[in-house]
Every structure is written in structure tokens, then in C-alpha cells.
C-alpha atoms as a PDB file:
ATOM      1  CA  MET A   1      98.475 121.451 106.593  1.00  0.00           C
ATOM      2  CA  GLU A   2     101.859 120.354 105.310  1.00  0.00           C
ATOM      3  CA  ASN A   3     104.304 122.774 103.749  1.00  0.00           C
ATOM      4  CA  GLU A   4     107.099 121.310 101.684  1.00  0.00           C
ATOM      5  CA  ASN A   5     109.630 124.089 101.486  1.00  0.00           C
ATOM      6  CA  ASN A   6     112.016 124.288  98.541  1.00  0.00           C
ATOM      7  CA  THR A   7     113.237 127.872  98.750  1.00  0.00           C
ATOM      8  CA  THR A   8     116.501 128.683  97.053  1.00  0.00           C
ATOM      9  CA  LEU A   9     118.485 131.836  96.479  1.00  0.00           C
ATOM     10  CA  SER A  10     120.904 130.270  94.034  1.00  0.00           C
ATOM     11  CA  GLU A  11     120.867 129.823  90.294  1.00  0.00           C
ATOM     12  CA  GLN A  12     118.943 126.639  89.705  1.00  0.00           C
ATOM     13  CA  LYS A  13     117.135 125.336  86.640  1.00  0.00           C
ATOM     14  CA  THR A  14     113.503 124.511  87.257  1.00  0.00           C
ATOM     15  CA  GLU A  15     111.068 122.842  84.947  1.00  0.00           C
ATOM     16  CA  SER A  16     108.680 125.336  83.470  1.00  0.00           C
ATOM     17  CA  PRO A  17     105.145 124.750  84.713  1.00  0.00           C
ATOM     18  CA  LYS A  18     102.449 123.671  82.313  1.00  0.00           C
ATOM     19  CA  GLU A  19     100.746 126.852  81.202  1.00  0.00           C
ATOM     20  CA  ASP A  20      97.268 125.308  81.463  1.00  0.00           C
ATOM     21  CA  SER A  21      97.763 124.458  85.149  1.00  0.00           C
ATOM     22  CA  LEU A  22      98.545 128.064  86.128  1.00  0.00           C
ATOM     23  CA  LEU A  23      95.873 129.840  88.161  1.00  0.00           C
ATOM     24  CA  PRO A  24      95.022 133.476  87.525  1.00  0.00           C
ATOM     25  CA  ILE A  25      96.078 135.844  90.311  1.00  0.00           C
ATOM     26  CA  VAL A  26      93.421 138.487  90.957  1.00  0.00           C
ATOM     27  CA  GLU A  27      94.808 141.937  91.818  1.00  0.00           C
ATOM     28  CA  LYS A  28      93.409 143.521  95.001  1.00  0.00           C
ATOM     29  CA  GLY A  29      94.069 146.605  97.146  1.00  0.00           C
ATOM     30  CA  LEU A  30      96.449 147.032 100.097  1.00  0.00           C
ATOM     31  CA  PHE A  31      96.498 143.975 102.375  1.00  0.00           C
ATOM     32  CA  PHE A  32      95.715 145.826 105.621  1.00  0.00           C
ATOM     33  CA  HIS A  33      92.971 147.944 103.983  1.00  0.00           C
ATOM     34  CA  ASP A  34      91.141 145.729 101.439  1.00  0.00           C
ATOM     35  CA  SER A  35      88.165 143.915 103.024  1.00  0.00           C
ATOM     36  CA  TYR A  36      88.923 140.855 100.853  1.00  0.00           C
ATOM     37  CA  PHE A  37      91.790 139.968 103.230  1.00  0.00           C
ATOM     38  CA  GLU A  38      89.938 140.739 106.481  1.00  0.00           C
ATOM     39  CA  ASP A  39      89.463 137.117 107.618  1.00  0.00           C
ATOM     40  CA  ILE A  40      93.164 136.192 107.250  1.00  0.00           C
ATOM     41  CA  ARG A  41      94.720 139.468 108.410  1.00  0.00           C
ATOM     42  CA  LYS A  42      95.042 138.494 112.096  1.00  0.00           C
ATOM     43  CA  HIS A  43      96.873 135.248 111.215  1.00  0.00           C
ATOM     44  CA  PHE A  44      99.274 137.203 109.006  1.00  0.00           C
ATOM     45  CA  GLU A  45      99.931 139.787 111.752  1.00  0.00           C
ATOM     46  CA  THR A  46     100.726 136.968 114.189  1.00  0.00           C
ATOM     47  CA  ALA A  47     103.224 135.470 111.720  1.00  0.00           C
ATOM     48  CA  ILE A  48     104.887 138.886 111.285  1.00  0.00           C
ATOM     49  CA  ASP A  49     105.075 139.295 115.075  1.00  0.00           C
ATOM     50  CA  GLN A  50     106.846 135.932 115.362  1.00  0.00           C
ATOM     51  CA  ILE A  51     109.508 136.972 112.848  1.00  0.00           C
ATOM     52  CA  LEU A  52     109.959 140.368 114.523  1.00  0.00           C
ATOM     53  CA  ASP A  53     110.344 138.622 117.906  1.00  0.00           C
ATOM     54  CA  THR A  54     112.952 136.257 116.440  1.00  0.00           C
ATOM     55  CA  TRP A  55     114.971 139.258 115.267  1.00  0.00           C
ATOM     56  CA  GLY A  56     114.405 141.225 118.481  1.00  0.00           C
ATOM     57  CA  GLU A  57     112.536 143.986 116.652  1.00  0.00           C
ATOM     58  CA  ALA A  58     109.982 145.986 118.619  1.00  0.00           C
ATOM     59  CA  THR A  59     107.267 147.741 116.661  1.00  0.00           C
ATOM     60  CA  SER A  60     103.777 149.196 116.817  1.00  0.00           C
ATOM     61  CA  VAL A  61     100.867 147.773 114.830  1.00  0.00           C
ATOM     62  CA  SER A  62     100.976 150.747 112.458  1.00  0.00           C
ATOM     63  CA  ASP A  63     104.639 150.009 111.704  1.00  0.00           C
ATOM     64  CA  LEU A  64     104.296 146.213 111.423  1.00  0.00           C
ATOM     65  CA  MET A  65     104.851 145.799 107.681  1.00  0.00           C
ATOM     66  CA  SER A  66     107.686 148.313 107.379  1.00  0.00           C
ATOM     67  CA  SER A  67     109.561 146.690 110.297  1.00  0.00           C
ATOM     68  CA  TYR A  68     109.098 143.266 108.726  1.00  0.00           C
ATOM     69  CA  ARG A  69     110.160 144.479 105.259  1.00  0.00           C
ATOM     70  CA  ARG A  70     113.361 145.983 106.739  1.00  0.00           C
ATOM     71  CA  ILE A  71     114.235 142.510 108.056  1.00  0.00           C
ATOM     72  CA  ARG A  72     113.512 140.991 104.635  1.00  0.00           C
ATOM     73  CA  GLU A  73     115.828 143.507 102.980  1.00  0.00           C
ATOM     74  CA  ARG A  74     118.653 142.407 105.280  1.00  0.00           C
ATOM     75  CA  ASN A  75     117.945 138.682 105.190  1.00  0.00           C
ATOM     76  CA  LEU A  76     115.933 136.935 102.459  1.00  0.00           C
ATOM     77  CA  HIS A  77     116.114 133.432 103.932  1.00  0.00           C
ATOM     78  CA  GLN A  78     112.936 131.359 103.750  1.00  0.00           C
ATOM     79  CA  GLU A  79     112.373 131.410 107.504  1.00  0.00           C
ATOM     80  CA  ASN A  80     111.919 135.194 107.234  1.00  0.00           C
ATOM     81  CA  GLN A  81     109.126 134.966 104.654  1.00  0.00           C
ATOM     82  CA  VAL A  82     105.827 135.561 106.422  1.00  0.00           C
ATOM     83  CA  MET A  83     103.329 132.772 105.842  1.00  0.00           C
ATOM     84  CA  ALA A  84     100.072 132.078 107.653  1.00  0.00           C
ATOM     85  CA  PHE A  85      97.274 129.523 107.431  1.00  0.00           C
ATOM     86  CA  SER A  86      93.599 129.642 108.326  1.00  0.00           C
ATOM     87  CA  GLU A  87      90.605 127.386 108.016  1.00  0.00           C
ATOM     88  CA  ASP A  88      86.866 127.841 108.364  1.00  0.00           C
ATOM     89  CA  ASP A  89      83.854 125.660 107.465  1.00  0.00           C
ATOM     90  CA  GLN A  90      84.165 126.382 103.742  1.00  0.00           C
ATOM     91  CA  ASN A  91      87.858 127.020 102.960  1.00  0.00           C
ATOM     92  CA  HIS A  92      91.516 126.542 103.719  1.00  0.00           C
ATOM     93  CA  LYS A  93      93.606 129.667 103.154  1.00  0.00           C
ATOM     94  CA  VAL A  94      97.313 130.240 102.942  1.00  0.00           C
ATOM     95  CA  VAL A  95      98.756 133.733 102.805  1.00  0.00           C
ATOM     96  CA  LEU A  96     102.376 134.590 102.141  1.00  0.00           C
ATOM     97  CA  ASP A  97     104.444 137.648 101.514  1.00  0.00           C
ATOM     98  CA  VAL A  98     105.777 137.688  97.941  1.00  0.00           C
ATOM     99  CA  HIS A  99     106.606 141.416  97.881  1.00  0.00           C
ATOM    100  CA  ASP A 100     110.242 140.699  96.952  1.00  0.00           C
ATOM    101  CA  PHE A 101     109.066 138.821  93.853  1.00  0.00           C
ATOM    102  CA  LYS A 102     106.180 141.066  92.745  1.00  0.00           C
ATOM    103  CA  SER A 103     108.341 142.857  90.158  1.00  0.00           C
ATOM    104  CA  GLY A 104     109.382 139.460  88.786  1.00  0.00           C
ATOM    105  CA  ASP A 105     107.328 136.390  88.270  1.00  0.00           C
ATOM    106  CA  VAL A 106     104.887 134.825  90.764  1.00  0.00           C
ATOM    107  CA  LYS A 107     102.945 131.728  89.733  1.00  0.00           C
ATOM    108  CA  VAL A 108     100.291 129.630  91.464  1.00  0.00           C
ATOM    109  CA  ARG A 109      99.263 126.247  90.116  1.00  0.00           C
ATOM    110  CA  VAL A 110      97.632 122.981  91.128  1.00  0.00           C
ATOM    111  CA  GLU A 111      99.844 119.957  90.572  1.00  0.00           C
ATOM    112  CA  ASP A 112      99.441 116.386  91.839  1.00  0.00           C
ATOM    113  CA  ASN A 113      96.730 117.420  94.329  1.00  0.00           C
ATOM    114  CA  GLN A 114      98.964 120.155  95.782  1.00  0.00           C
ATOM    115  CA  VAL A 115      98.998 123.916  95.445  1.00  0.00           C
ATOM    116  CA  VAL A 116     102.393 125.114  94.236  1.00  0.00           C
ATOM    117  CA  VAL A 117     103.490 128.752  94.630  1.00  0.00           C
ATOM    118  CA  GLU A 118     106.667 129.876  92.879  1.00  0.00           C
ATOM    119  CA  GLY A 119     108.410 133.196  92.628  1.00  0.00           C
ATOM    120  CA  ARG A 120     111.425 134.335  90.657  1.00  0.00           C
ATOM    121  CA  VAL A 121     113.023 137.713  90.063  1.00  0.00           C
ATOM    122  CA  GLU A 122     116.244 138.776  88.358  1.00  0.00           C
ATOM    123  CA  LYS A 123     118.096 142.046  88.893  1.00  0.00           C
ATOM    124  CA  GLU A 124     120.915 143.635  86.948  1.00  0.00           C
ATOM    125  CA  ASP A 125     123.186 146.391  88.265  1.00  0.00           C
ATOM    126  CA  ASP A 126     125.994 147.285  85.848  1.00  0.00           C
ATOM    127  CA  ASP A 127     128.005 144.066  85.521  1.00  0.00           C
ATOM    128  CA  PHE A 128     126.342 142.326  88.462  1.00  0.00           C
ATOM    129  CA  LYS A 129     123.393 140.011  87.864  1.00  0.00           C
ATOM    130  CA  SER A 130     121.423 138.277  90.609  1.00  0.00           C
ATOM    131  CA  MET A 131     118.453 135.964  90.752  1.00  0.00           C
ATOM    132  CA  LYS A 132     116.302 134.832  93.649  1.00  0.00           C
ATOM    133  CA  SER A 133     113.513 132.312  93.666  1.00  0.00           C
ATOM    134  CA  PHE A 134     111.309 130.214  95.919  1.00  0.00           C
ATOM    135  CA  CYS A 135     108.956 127.275  95.569  1.00  0.00           C
ATOM    136  CA  ARG A 136     106.450 126.217  98.198  1.00  0.00           C
ATOM    137  CA  ARG A 137     104.062 123.267  97.994  1.00  0.00           C
ATOM    138  CA  PHE A 138     100.934 122.963 100.106  1.00  0.00           C
ATOM    139  CA  ASN A 139      98.839 119.906 100.967  1.00  0.00           C
ATOM    140  CA  PHE A 140      95.477 120.616 102.570  1.00  0.00           C
ATOM    141  CA  PRO A 141      93.872 118.189 105.039  1.00  0.00           C
ATOM    142  CA  GLY A 142      90.554 116.570 104.227  1.00  0.00           C
ATOM    143  CA  LYS A 143      88.784 116.793 100.910  1.00  0.00           C
ATOM    144  CA  VAL A 144      89.485 119.924  98.880  1.00  0.00           C
ATOM    145  CA  ASN A 145      88.062 120.995  95.519  1.00  0.00           C
ATOM    146  CA  MET A 146      91.402 121.523  93.763  1.00  0.00           C
ATOM    147  CA  GLU A 147      89.616 122.654  90.580  1.00  0.00           C
ATOM    148  CA  ALA A 148      88.147 125.618  92.471  1.00  0.00           C
ATOM    149  CA  VAL A 149      91.374 126.925  94.065  1.00  0.00           C
ATOM    150  CA  THR A 150      91.743 130.700  93.654  1.00  0.00           C
ATOM    151  CA  SER A 151      94.494 133.211  94.345  1.00  0.00           C
ATOM    152  CA  ALA A 152      94.612 136.954  94.940  1.00  0.00           C
ATOM    153  CA  MET A 153      97.504 139.390  95.322  1.00  0.00           C
ATOM    154  CA  SER A 154      97.335 142.586  97.337  1.00  0.00           C
ATOM    155  CA  SER A 155      98.854 145.678  95.760  1.00  0.00           C
ATOM    156  CA  ASP A 156     101.612 145.535  98.408  1.00  0.00           C
ATOM    157  CA  GLY A 157     102.659 141.964  97.525  1.00  0.00           C
ATOM    158  CA  VAL A 158     100.746 139.643  99.856  1.00  0.00           C
ATOM    159  CA  LEU A 159      99.416 136.522  98.098  1.00  0.00           C
ATOM    160  CA  THR A 160      96.350 134.655  99.360  1.00  0.00           C
ATOM    161  CA  VAL A 161      95.441 131.193  98.054  1.00  0.00           C
ATOM    162  CA  THR A 162      91.968 129.857  98.856  1.00  0.00           C
ATOM    163  CA  ALA A 163      91.196 126.134  98.604  1.00  0.00           C
ATOM    164  CA  PRO A 164      87.463 125.326  99.014  1.00  0.00           C
ATOM    165  CA  LYS A 165      86.568 122.285 101.107  1.00  0.00           C
ATOM    166  CA  ILE A 166      84.300 119.597  99.708  1.00  0.00           C
ATOM    167  CA  PRO A 167      81.322 119.360 102.084  1.00  0.00           C
ATOM    168  CA  GLN A 168      81.127 116.119 104.042  1.00  0.00           C
ATOM    169  CA  ALA A 169      77.912 114.115 103.639  1.00  0.00           C
ATOM    170  CA  ALA A 170      75.806 114.220 106.804  1.00  0.00           C
END
């Protein structure tokens, strides 16, 4: 699975996506409690562990998300955004933390046989205005039914995109 990474934290004009290509994002419960995310949870935990190791943070499993989110508060660079991939016989899945953008604007769309995930949020404090955004593009190996791609967001800001495989003829 290829990931073309175009994350930016600067002011940058982006073309607005075609409204008809946007996918609905289904709201779900907490990532570590909702059974919808059960099959991808281990991959996500592993990705969090890797970031915590990079930063020299020790933590228990019960404190995993809060330790990771503390790192994100200090450093919003793209390499600190948890992202994990999984695959089974029916689907490819990508899961990424978009908690920092949940209060803003998160969009998922299919474009040119890729899944595109974008996030943008603006904040204003007195005279200070800031904006942060990201754009990630995903290509899935093999044949994928791009018309059946779905996305779901946990209540704590973890986005899961599911891309169904097209069954191979026997």
C-alpha cells in the first residue's frame, strides 16, 4: 500500500474537492471500546507504540492514547500522526488519528482511483489566527471496488477507511 504524504502546517490554498466525490463519515463510539474497530485496533496500538518509542515515552496500555496525544500536542508533524494498515480476504483498511482536526473539517473522497483523506482546522485566539491541515492519498494493491469505499470516525477522533477487494476469479 502506497501512501503519498502531503501534510502541511502552513497556509496553503487547496482546490476544493468535488462535493459529489465526498464519502459520508459514519460516527461510531470510542475507538478502544467500539466493536466496529476491533479488527484494526492491534495495528493502531502498534503504530502508537512506535511513535512513543521514537519519543522515548514509556506507558501502559491503559495510558496509550493519552501518552500519544501529549506528544501530538507538543509536535504536530506528520511523522507523529498515527496511521496503520491492515488487510484480510475481503478488505484493505487504513486507520489514522485525526483527533486534532475533528473540531474542524475532515473529508474522505475517492479521486483518480485513490482514497484521499484531508483535514483542516482554524483557531483564533485574540489577534492570533492559526490554521493546520493535512492531505494523505492512498493506493491499494490489487483490485479494489472504489465505489464501495466507506469511512467511519470514532468519537475520540480515529478515522477508519475500508476499501473492499474485488474477488479474484478462481
